[in-house]
Amino acid sequence: MRIAHVLRRISFGDWGGTEQVVWNIAKAQREAGHEVRLFATTALWNSLKLLSLRGDSEVRSSGDFSSSLQDSKTPSCESKAGKIHGYFETVDGIEILRFKPIYPWWPMPRSLVDELDRKGGNPFVPGLGRALREWKPDVIHCHAMARIAELCLRAKEEVRRKKEEVRCVVSLHGGGANVPTAEAKSLKAPTRGRLPWGKMIDYALGWTRRIPEDFDGIVCVGEDEYEKYRAKHPHVMYLPNGVDCRLFERMTGESSDARRGSSPAACTSKTHVSLLCVARIDRQKNQMALVEWLGRNPAGSVRLVGPVTQPDYRAELERRAAELGVTDRLAFVGALKPGSPELISEYANADLFVLPSRHEPFGIVVLEAWAAGLPVVASDVGGLGRLCAAHPGAAVTFPADDSAALDAAVSAALENAQKIAGSGLSAAKEYDWPRLSARLVDFYSEICHNTKS
């Protein structure tokens, strides 16, 4: 099966949950024998020079790339009408095409482009739809909404006009069914007061935006979305996020005992406790709760791993840490590539994993912490709370923004570290990527079979 995954961005230096899901699904599908290609924008990606993609020429990358970049010939993305301008590379055997996004607001200073690259921006992406059509996939799997989703639907319609079969599936990654009002407003704040000239183009093109209903299938990462759409659409599946258990197998055997000692009380008897949070630096993730925790716990330290999607929020965290006198015990590690030795090391050296999000459709990093043999503390919100509830004993949960409850949860997790970590290891195996990828391919096949005319 030829599968095109379409997402807003994929940058191995600035990583998010959606990118991690798509990358791991693509790798598992390729290992299962499918032909897979990723289509994205160039947001936050500056590794290679602009290339002109020609079906009859060899395209080679220039510059260094941290993820075992390989030279490759351009496959069947041929254009008889001319050039398709984009970026092309092969990473770990998976082909990636990127195209420059155009954000349709005025004025558009460079600083705003950078902010929208991180948080969304609903761009136009010239060249993406055409490249999709010319590659002729069996399945277009879209992992974005709005204009990118519209491009996927239009590509499907054009392919079908040529009497060729293609199915279009969309994944809902963002927890849109339960995003708090304040968070939703913050996403729109960067473009408030600017001229939305893109709406005129949308109107001229007749883009209806019946998304996700117009797709042939809907994949829901969160159970809230699944409940919302399963009565509205004939092909809806709930597919949780996953984890590559193989990455952590050696670590759990070698580091768990050393990290926690030989007795269940080893963590609580330590003079220093290290907390780890892996999440983008963003108000949604609520790292401020951990800064405040440092102020109440002089024997603790916190390491924050993840890209900065809201620079002003990082500044708030740093100011509050300075006010509390805990700056020397708070580390901003930055973004680490999923599966990298550096990320594995962060899990190996921590005593406890904490995710204090204000809302969360799932929580991939909790799966990683489980696979790493770490005891987990998580806020009881959305899909994150349901994930933990589905595996009793694998995590200690607390109400978001409740500092006393957070303190109690951390203490409970440390006191029962070995038992909680063992339950987490068992839970992680249910979410191994090859198992989830096989379910997704079955869903594609079901749609292709049931929607044939």
Protein backbone atom coordinates (compact mmCIF):
# COMPACT_ATOMS: atom_id res chain seq x y z
CA MET A 1 0.00 0.00 0.00
CA ARG A 2 1.28 3.49 -0.88
CA ILE A 3 0.63 5.86 2.04
CA ALA A 4 1.09 9.64 2.11
CA HIS A 5 1.22 11.22 5.57
CA VAL A 6 0.54 14.98 5.48
CA LEU A 7 1.37 17.13 8.50
CA ARG A 8 1.99 20.78 9.19
CA ARG A 9 5.64 20.43 10.16
CA ILE A 10 8.32 17.89 10.96
CA SER A 11 11.51 19.28 12.42
CA PHE A 12 13.80 16.95 14.32
CA GLY A 13 15.16 19.89 16.28
CA ASP A 14 11.75 21.18 17.43
CA TRP A 15 9.59 18.18 18.13
CA GLY A 16 5.92 17.85 19.14
CA GLY A 17 3.44 15.09 19.84
CA THR A 18 1.90 15.04 16.37
CA GLU A 19 5.29 14.75 14.67
CA GLN A 20 6.26 11.93 16.99
CA VAL A 21 3.07 10.01 16.21
CA VAL A 22 3.43 10.42 12.45
CA TRP A 23 7.11 9.53 12.43
CA ASN A 24 6.65 6.34 14.45
CA ILE A 25 3.60 5.23 12.44
CA ALA A 26 5.49 5.86 9.21
CA LYS A 27 8.47 3.82 10.42
CA ALA A 28 6.25 0.93 11.53
CA GLN A 29 4.35 0.96 8.22
CA ARG A 30 7.58 0.95 6.25
CA GLU A 31 8.90 -1.96 8.31
CA ALA A 32 5.67 -3.81 7.48
CA GLY A 33 6.41 -3.44 3.75
CA HIS A 34 4.32 -0.40 2.80
CA GLU A 35 5.58 2.50 0.67
CA VAL A 36 5.47 5.63 2.82
CA ARG A 37 6.18 9.30 2.15
CA LEU A 38 5.77 12.36 4.39
CA PHE A 39 4.54 15.74 3.08
CA ALA A 40 4.92 18.83 5.28
CA THR A 41 5.77 22.53 5.38
CA THR A 42 9.22 23.94 6.06
CA ALA A 43 8.12 25.40 9.42
CA LEU A 44 11.02 25.31 11.91
CA TRP A 45 13.15 23.36 9.42
CA ASN A 46 16.29 24.88 7.97
CA SER A 47 18.57 21.92 7.30
CA LEU A 48 18.70 21.78 3.51
CA LYS A 49 18.79 24.14 0.53
CA LEU A 50 15.82 24.65 -1.75
CA LEU A 51 15.67 21.94 -4.42
CA SER A 52 13.74 21.69 -7.66
CA LEU A 53 12.12 18.27 -7.84
CA ARG A 54 12.28 16.72 -11.32
CA GLY A 55 11.17 13.23 -12.15
CA ASP A 56 14.16 12.62 -14.45
CA SER A 57 16.96 13.96 -12.29
CA GLU A 58 18.87 12.81 -9.26
CA VAL A 59 18.30 14.99 -6.26
CA ARG A 60 20.93 15.10 -3.53
CA SER A 61 20.83 16.84 -0.21
CA SER A 62 23.34 19.47 0.86
CA GLY A 63 24.53 20.17 4.37
CA ASP A 64 24.50 17.98 7.44
CA PHE A 65 21.47 16.34 8.99
CA SER A 66 21.44 14.80 12.45
CA SER A 67 19.20 11.83 11.61
CA SER A 68 21.31 9.65 9.31
CA LEU A 69 20.40 11.53 6.14
CA GLN A 70 20.80 9.46 2.99
CA ASP A 71 21.09 10.48 -0.65
CA SER A 72 18.13 9.45 -2.77
CA LYS A 73 16.74 9.62 -6.26
CA THR A 74 13.44 11.39 -6.70
CA PRO A 75 10.79 8.65 -7.02
CA SER A 76 7.54 8.91 -8.94
CA CYS A 77 6.85 12.55 -8.08
CA GLU A 78 7.13 13.56 -11.74
CA SER A 79 5.84 16.73 -13.27
CA LYS A 80 5.30 17.06 -17.01
CA ALA A 81 4.02 20.59 -16.54
CA GLY A 82 7.19 21.90 -14.93
CA LYS A 83 8.98 22.05 -11.61
CA ILE A 84 7.69 21.44 -8.13
CA HIS A 85 9.72 23.63 -5.79
CA GLY A 86 10.29 22.05 -2.44
CA TYR A 87 12.72 20.36 -0.10
CA PHE A 88 13.44 16.66 -0.40
CA GLU A 89 15.36 14.25 1.80
CA THR A 90 15.40 10.68 2.99
CA VAL A 91 15.72 10.09 6.74
CA ASP A 92 16.03 6.56 8.12
CA GLY A 93 14.69 5.27 4.82
CA ILE A 94 11.59 7.50 4.82
CA GLU A 95 11.17 10.16 2.13
CA ILE A 96 10.11 13.63 3.27
CA LEU A 97 8.94 16.50 1.03
CA ARG A 98 8.50 19.98 2.47
CA PHE A 99 6.99 23.14 0.99
CA LYS A 100 7.12 26.76 2.10
CA PRO A 101 4.00 27.90 4.00
CA ILE A 102 2.34 31.27 3.37
CA TYR A 103 0.55 32.78 6.35
CA PRO A 104 -2.41 34.86 5.09
CA TRP A 105 -2.40 37.89 7.39
CA TRP A 106 -1.15 41.41 7.03
CA PRO A 107 1.16 42.75 8.27
CA MET A 108 3.37 39.67 8.69
CA PRO A 109 6.69 40.50 10.44
CA ARG A 110 9.39 37.83 10.75
CA SER A 111 8.71 37.44 14.46
CA LEU A 112 5.09 36.52 13.74
CA VAL A 113 6.15 33.98 11.10
CA ASP A 114 8.35 32.31 13.70
CA GLU A 115 5.51 32.22 16.21
CA LEU A 116 3.04 30.77 13.71
CA ASP A 117 5.61 28.19 12.62
CA ARG A 118 5.48 26.90 16.18
CA LYS A 119 1.80 27.15 16.99
CA GLY A 120 -0.14 26.69 13.76
CA GLY A 121 -1.00 29.67 11.60
CA ASN A 122 -3.34 27.90 9.14
CA PRO A 123 -1.10 28.52 6.11
CA PHE A 124 -1.50 28.14 2.38
CA VAL A 125 1.05 25.60 1.12
CA PRO A 126 1.71 26.01 -2.62
CA GLY A 127 2.95 22.85 -4.28
CA LEU A 128 1.81 20.41 -1.61
CA GLY A 129 -1.49 19.45 -3.23
CA ARG A 130 0.08 19.03 -6.64
CA ALA A 131 2.88 16.83 -5.26
CA LEU A 132 0.29 14.64 -3.56
CA ARG A 133 -1.66 14.21 -6.79
CA GLU A 134 1.40 13.32 -8.81
CA TRP A 135 2.66 10.73 -6.34
CA LYS A 136 -0.74 8.94 -6.56
CA PRO A 137 -0.98 7.35 -3.11
CA ASP A 138 -3.57 4.73 -2.20
CA VAL A 139 -4.21 6.57 1.07
CA ILE A 140 -3.74 10.24 1.97
CA HIS A 141 -3.54 10.45 5.76
CA CYS A 142 -3.84 14.07 6.88
CA HIS A 143 -2.58 15.09 10.34
CA ALA A 144 -3.54 18.76 10.16
CA MET A 145 -6.73 20.79 9.87
CA ALA A 146 -8.10 23.80 7.99
CA ARG A 147 -6.27 24.69 4.73
CA ILE A 148 -3.87 21.74 4.75
CA ALA A 149 -6.81 19.39 5.25
CA GLU A 150 -8.61 21.15 2.39
CA LEU A 151 -5.60 20.57 0.15
CA CYS A 152 -5.74 16.86 0.94
CA LEU A 153 -9.44 16.69 0.05
CA ARG A 154 -8.89 18.59 -3.20
CA ALA A 155 -6.00 16.28 -4.12
CA LYS A 156 -8.27 13.28 -3.58
CA GLU A 157 -11.00 14.78 -5.78
CA GLU A 158 -8.57 15.49 -8.63
CA VAL A 159 -7.12 11.98 -8.53
CA ARG A 160 -10.61 10.49 -8.60
CA ARG A 161 -11.53 12.59 -11.63
CA LYS A 162 -8.83 10.64 -13.44
CA LYS A 163 -10.64 7.40 -12.51
CA GLU A 164 -7.95 6.46 -9.99
CA GLU A 165 -8.74 5.26 -6.48
CA VAL A 166 -7.48 7.10 -3.39
CA ARG A 167 -8.88 7.35 0.13
CA CYS A 168 -8.46 10.33 2.42
CA VAL A 169 -8.18 9.90 6.20
CA VAL A 170 -7.72 12.57 8.87
CA SER A 171 -6.30 12.23 12.37
CA LEU A 172 -7.51 14.50 15.17
CA HIS A 173 -4.46 15.02 17.36
CA GLY A 174 -5.16 18.23 19.23
CA GLY A 175 -7.87 17.41 21.72
CA GLY A 176 -10.16 19.94 20.04
CA ALA A 177 -13.21 18.59 21.83
CA ASN A 178 -11.92 19.68 25.24
CA VAL A 179 -9.55 22.64 24.76
CA PRO A 180 -10.26 25.21 27.49
CA THR A 181 -11.65 28.53 26.30
CA ALA A 182 -8.64 30.48 27.54
CA GLU A 183 -6.26 28.17 25.68
CA ALA A 184 -8.29 28.43 22.47
CA LYS A 185 -8.15 32.23 22.69
CA SER A 186 -4.39 32.18 23.22
CA LEU A 187 -3.93 30.25 19.97
CA LYS A 188 -5.65 33.05 18.05
CA ALA A 189 -3.91 35.88 19.89
CA PRO A 190 -0.90 36.29 17.54
CA THR A 191 -3.07 37.23 14.53
CA ARG A 192 -5.65 39.32 16.37
CA GLY A 193 -6.00 42.76 14.76
CA ARG A 194 -4.34 41.75 11.48
CA LEU A 195 -5.98 41.67 8.06
CA PRO A 196 -7.01 38.05 7.23
CA TRP A 197 -6.58 38.33 3.46
CA GLY A 198 -6.61 34.55 3.14
CA LYS A 199 -10.35 34.45 3.73
CA MET A 200 -10.93 36.13 0.39
CA ILE A 201 -8.95 33.40 -1.35
CA ASP A 202 -10.84 30.72 0.57
CA TYR A 203 -14.09 32.21 -0.65
CA ALA A 204 -12.87 32.46 -4.24
CA LEU A 205 -11.72 28.83 -4.20
CA GLY A 206 -15.00 27.64 -2.73
CA TRP A 207 -13.38 25.89 0.21
CA THR A 208 -16.22 24.56 2.33
CA ARG A 209 -14.21 23.46 5.36
CA ARG A 210 -16.51 20.55 6.27
CA ILE A 211 -13.63 19.06 8.16
CA PRO A 212 -13.34 16.34 9.33
CA GLU A 213 -16.72 15.10 8.07
CA ASP A 214 -15.76 15.18 4.38
CA PHE A 215 -12.90 12.72 4.87
CA ASP A 216 -13.40 9.03 4.11
CA GLY A 217 -12.24 8.13 7.59
CA ILE A 218 -11.53 9.83 10.93
CA VAL A 219 -8.84 8.66 13.35
CA CYS A 220 -9.24 9.99 16.88
CA VAL A 221 -6.32 10.18 19.28
CA GLY A 222 -8.62 11.33 22.09
CA GLU A 223 -11.71 9.52 23.28
CA ASP A 224 -13.66 12.80 23.44
CA GLU A 225 -13.28 13.21 19.67
CA TYR A 226 -14.19 9.58 19.13
CA GLU A 227 -17.42 9.99 21.07
CA LYS A 228 -18.17 13.21 19.19
CA TYR A 229 -17.75 11.83 15.66
CA ARG A 230 -18.62 8.15 15.77
CA ALA A 231 -22.34 8.92 15.47
CA LYS A 232 -21.72 11.40 12.64
CA HIS A 233 -19.51 9.35 10.33
CA PRO A 234 -19.49 5.72 9.15
CA HIS A 235 -15.72 5.26 9.49
CA VAL A 236 -14.30 6.47 12.81
CA MET A 237 -11.66 4.75 14.92
CA TYR A 238 -10.02 5.44 18.25
CA LEU A 239 -6.26 4.94 17.95
CA PRO A 240 -4.22 5.97 20.99
CA ASN A 241 -0.69 7.18 20.71
CA GLY A 242 2.13 4.69 21.09
CA VAL A 243 5.68 4.09 22.19
CA ASP A 244 8.68 2.22 20.80
CA CYS A 245 9.32 -0.18 23.66
CA ARG A 246 12.50 -1.43 21.99
CA LEU A 247 14.25 1.88 22.65
CA PHE A 248 13.88 1.47 26.40
CA GLU A 249 14.39 -2.28 26.86
CA ARG A 250 18.12 -2.07 27.58
CA MET A 251 17.69 1.01 29.75
CA THR A 252 15.04 -0.51 32.01
CA GLY A 253 17.21 -3.51 32.68
CA GLU A 254 20.37 -1.54 33.42
CA SER A 255 19.25 1.62 35.17
CA SER A 256 16.06 0.92 37.13
CA ASP A 257 17.73 -0.74 40.11
CA ALA A 258 20.55 1.77 40.18
CA ARG A 259 18.09 4.67 40.06
CA ARG A 260 15.80 3.48 42.81
CA GLY A 261 18.00 1.30 44.97
CA SER A 262 17.08 -2.12 46.28
CA SER A 263 14.18 -1.19 48.53
CA PRO A 264 10.81 0.50 47.88
CA ALA A 265 11.76 3.28 50.31
CA ALA A 266 14.99 4.12 48.51
CA CYS A 267 13.58 7.15 46.69
CA THR A 268 12.07 8.74 49.78
CA SER A 269 15.33 8.31 51.72
CA LYS A 270 17.35 10.16 49.09
CA THR A 271 18.65 13.60 49.96
CA HIS A 272 17.86 14.81 46.45
CA VAL A 273 14.91 13.98 44.14
CA SER A 274 15.02 14.72 40.41
CA LEU A 275 11.74 15.34 38.56
CA LEU A 276 11.53 15.13 34.76
CA CYS A 277 8.92 16.71 32.49
CA VAL A 278 9.06 16.11 28.73
CA ALA A 279 6.73 18.55 26.97
CA ARG A 280 6.92 21.68 24.86
CA ILE A 281 7.35 24.86 26.91
CA ASP A 282 3.75 26.02 26.66
CA ARG A 283 1.05 27.19 29.05
CA GLN A 284 -1.01 24.12 28.18
CA LYS A 285 1.72 21.94 29.71
CA ASN A 286 1.71 23.99 32.93
CA GLN A 287 5.41 23.71 33.85
CA MET A 288 4.80 26.60 36.27
CA ALA A 289 3.37 24.03 38.69
CA LEU A 290 6.81 22.39 38.82
CA VAL A 291 8.59 25.70 39.36
CA GLU A 292 6.27 26.33 42.31
CA TRP A 293 6.95 22.78 43.55
CA LEU A 294 10.66 23.61 43.65
CA GLY A 295 9.90 26.53 45.93
CA ARG A 296 8.24 24.16 48.42
CA ASN A 297 10.86 21.39 48.12
CA PRO A 298 14.46 22.52 48.69
CA ALA A 299 15.79 18.98 48.10
CA GLY A 300 14.28 18.68 44.63
CA SER A 301 15.31 19.55 41.08
CA VAL A 302 13.34 19.74 37.83
CA ARG A 303 14.51 19.14 34.27
CA LEU A 304 12.27 20.45 31.47
CA VAL A 305 12.81 18.74 28.11
CA GLY A 306 11.02 20.12 25.06
CA PRO A 307 10.96 22.88 22.45
CA VAL A 308 9.78 26.37 23.34
CA THR A 309 6.49 27.12 21.59
CA GLN A 310 5.65 30.15 23.76
CA PRO A 311 8.84 32.17 24.45
CA ASP A 312 6.97 34.56 26.72
CA TYR A 313 5.92 31.62 28.89
CA ARG A 314 9.51 30.47 29.24
CA ALA A 315 10.37 34.00 30.35
CA GLU A 316 7.60 33.79 32.98
CA LEU A 317 9.01 30.49 34.24
CA GLU A 318 12.50 31.97 34.51
CA ARG A 319 11.26 35.07 36.33
CA ARG A 320 9.28 33.02 38.83
CA ALA A 321 12.23 30.68 39.41
CA ALA A 322 14.41 33.72 40.17
CA GLU A 323 11.81 35.09 42.59
CA LEU A 324 11.69 31.75 44.44
CA GLY A 325 15.47 31.35 44.41
CA VAL A 326 15.33 28.00 42.59
CA THR A 327 17.02 28.89 39.30
CA ASP A 328 19.98 26.63 40.05
CA ARG A 329 17.63 23.64 40.46
CA LEU A 330 15.62 24.24 37.26
CA ALA A 331 17.08 23.12 33.92
CA PHE A 332 15.75 23.94 30.45
CA VAL A 333 17.19 21.10 28.39
CA GLY A 334 15.61 22.05 25.06
CA ALA A 335 14.19 19.81 22.36
CA LEU A 336 15.61 16.30 22.06
CA LYS A 337 14.91 14.01 19.12
CA PRO A 338 12.58 11.15 20.09
CA GLY A 339 14.50 7.96 20.62
CA SER A 340 17.84 9.78 20.82
CA PRO A 341 20.47 8.68 23.35
CA GLU A 342 20.14 12.10 24.98
CA LEU A 343 16.41 11.66 25.59
CA ILE A 344 16.84 8.09 26.82
CA SER A 345 19.48 9.39 29.24
CA GLU A 346 17.05 11.98 30.64
CA TYR A 347 14.56 9.24 31.49
CA ALA A 348 17.32 7.02 32.91
CA ASN A 349 18.64 9.69 35.28
CA ALA A 350 15.31 10.90 36.69
CA ASP A 351 13.60 9.67 39.86
CA LEU A 352 10.08 10.63 38.84
CA PHE A 353 8.21 11.74 35.72
CA VAL A 354 5.59 14.49 36.12
CA LEU A 355 3.19 15.86 33.48
CA PRO A 356 1.05 18.66 35.02
CA SER A 357 -0.89 19.66 31.84
CA ARG A 358 -4.06 21.74 32.04
CA HIS A 359 -5.55 19.72 29.19
CA GLU A 360 -4.20 16.78 27.22
CA PRO A 361 -5.83 14.55 24.60
CA PHE A 362 -3.53 11.65 25.46
CA GLY A 363 0.07 12.05 26.66
CA ILE A 364 2.68 10.15 24.63
CA VAL A 365 5.42 11.04 27.09
CA VAL A 366 3.64 9.10 29.83
CA LEU A 367 3.99 6.01 27.64
CA GLU A 368 7.71 6.75 27.29
CA ALA A 369 8.08 7.14 31.04
CA TRP A 370 6.30 3.82 31.57
CA ALA A 371 8.51 2.11 29.00
CA ALA A 372 11.54 3.63 30.75
CA GLY A 373 10.50 2.17 34.10
CA LEU A 374 9.82 5.55 35.74
CA PRO A 375 7.06 6.13 38.30
CA VAL A 376 4.58 8.63 36.84
CA VAL A 377 2.59 11.55 38.26
CA ALA A 378 0.06 13.19 35.91
CA SER A 379 -2.80 15.68 36.07
CA ASP A 380 -6.23 14.11 35.85
CA VAL A 381 -7.42 15.89 32.70
CA GLY A 382 -8.93 14.71 29.41
CA GLY A 383 -7.40 11.75 27.67
CA LEU A 384 -4.37 11.88 29.98
CA GLY A 385 -6.55 11.15 33.02
CA ARG A 386 -8.36 8.36 31.18
CA LEU A 387 -5.05 6.82 30.07
CA CYS A 388 -3.87 6.62 33.66
CA ALA A 389 -7.25 5.38 34.90
CA ALA A 390 -7.15 2.57 32.33
CA HIS A 391 -4.01 1.23 34.00
CA PRO A 392 -4.60 1.32 37.77
CA GLY A 393 -1.41 1.42 39.73
CA ALA A 394 0.73 2.69 36.84
CA ALA A 395 0.46 6.39 37.81
CA VAL A 396 -0.61 8.76 40.55
CA THR A 397 -2.96 11.49 39.33
CA PHE A 398 -3.94 14.85 40.79
CA PRO A 399 -6.33 17.70 39.85
CA ALA A 400 -4.63 20.23 37.58
CA ASP A 401 -3.47 23.45 39.28
CA ASP A 402 -3.87 21.97 42.79
CA SER A 403 -0.48 22.44 44.45
CA ALA A 404 -1.31 20.48 47.61
CA ALA A 405 -2.57 17.56 45.53
CA LEU A 406 0.60 17.69 43.40
CA ASP A 407 2.77 17.50 46.52
CA ALA A 408 0.79 14.53 47.82
CA ALA A 409 0.97 12.77 44.45
CA VAL A 410 4.75 13.19 44.23
CA SER A 411 5.19 11.85 47.77
CA ALA A 412 2.92 8.86 47.05
CA ALA A 413 4.75 8.04 43.83
CA LEU A 414 8.14 8.15 45.52
CA GLU A 415 6.97 5.93 48.37
CA ASN A 416 5.65 3.30 45.93
CA ALA A 417 8.16 3.83 43.14
CA GLN A 418 8.98 0.21 42.32
CA LYS A 419 5.38 -0.97 42.30
CA ILE A 420 4.19 1.94 40.12
CA ALA A 421 7.11 1.54 37.72
CA GLY A 422 6.41 -2.17 37.32
CA SER A 423 2.77 -1.52 36.48
CA GLY A 424 3.86 1.12 33.98
CA LEU A 425 6.20 -1.27 32.20
CA SER A 426 3.33 -3.71 31.72
CA ALA A 427 1.02 -0.94 30.46
CA ALA A 428 3.54 0.35 27.91
CA LYS A 429 3.60 -2.97 26.04
CA GLU A 430 -0.04 -2.48 25.03
CA TYR A 431 0.93 0.65 23.06
CA ASP A 432 3.89 -0.62 21.04
CA TRP A 433 3.94 1.13 17.65
CA PRO A 434 3.95 -1.96 15.38
CA ARG A 435 0.73 -3.16 17.03
CA LEU A 436 -1.00 0.22 16.63
CA SER A 437 0.25 0.66 13.05
CA ALA A 438 -1.23 -2.69 12.03
CA ARG A 439 -4.61 -1.57 13.39
CA LEU A 440 -4.39 1.62 11.35
CA VAL A 441 -3.59 -0.22 8.11
CA ASP A 442 -6.60 -2.48 8.76
CA PHE A 443 -8.69 0.70 9.06
CA TYR A 444 -7.38 1.94 5.69
CA SER A 445 -8.29 -1.40 4.11
CA GLU A 446 -11.77 -1.33 5.62
CA ILE A 447 -12.41 2.12 4.18
CA CYS A 448 -11.08 1.15 0.75
CA HIS A 449 -13.32 -1.93 0.70
CA ASN A 450 -16.50 -0.28 1.99
CA THR A 451 -16.32 2.93 -0.07
CA LYS A 452 -15.68 1.43 -3.50
CA SER A 453 -18.36 2.47 -5.94
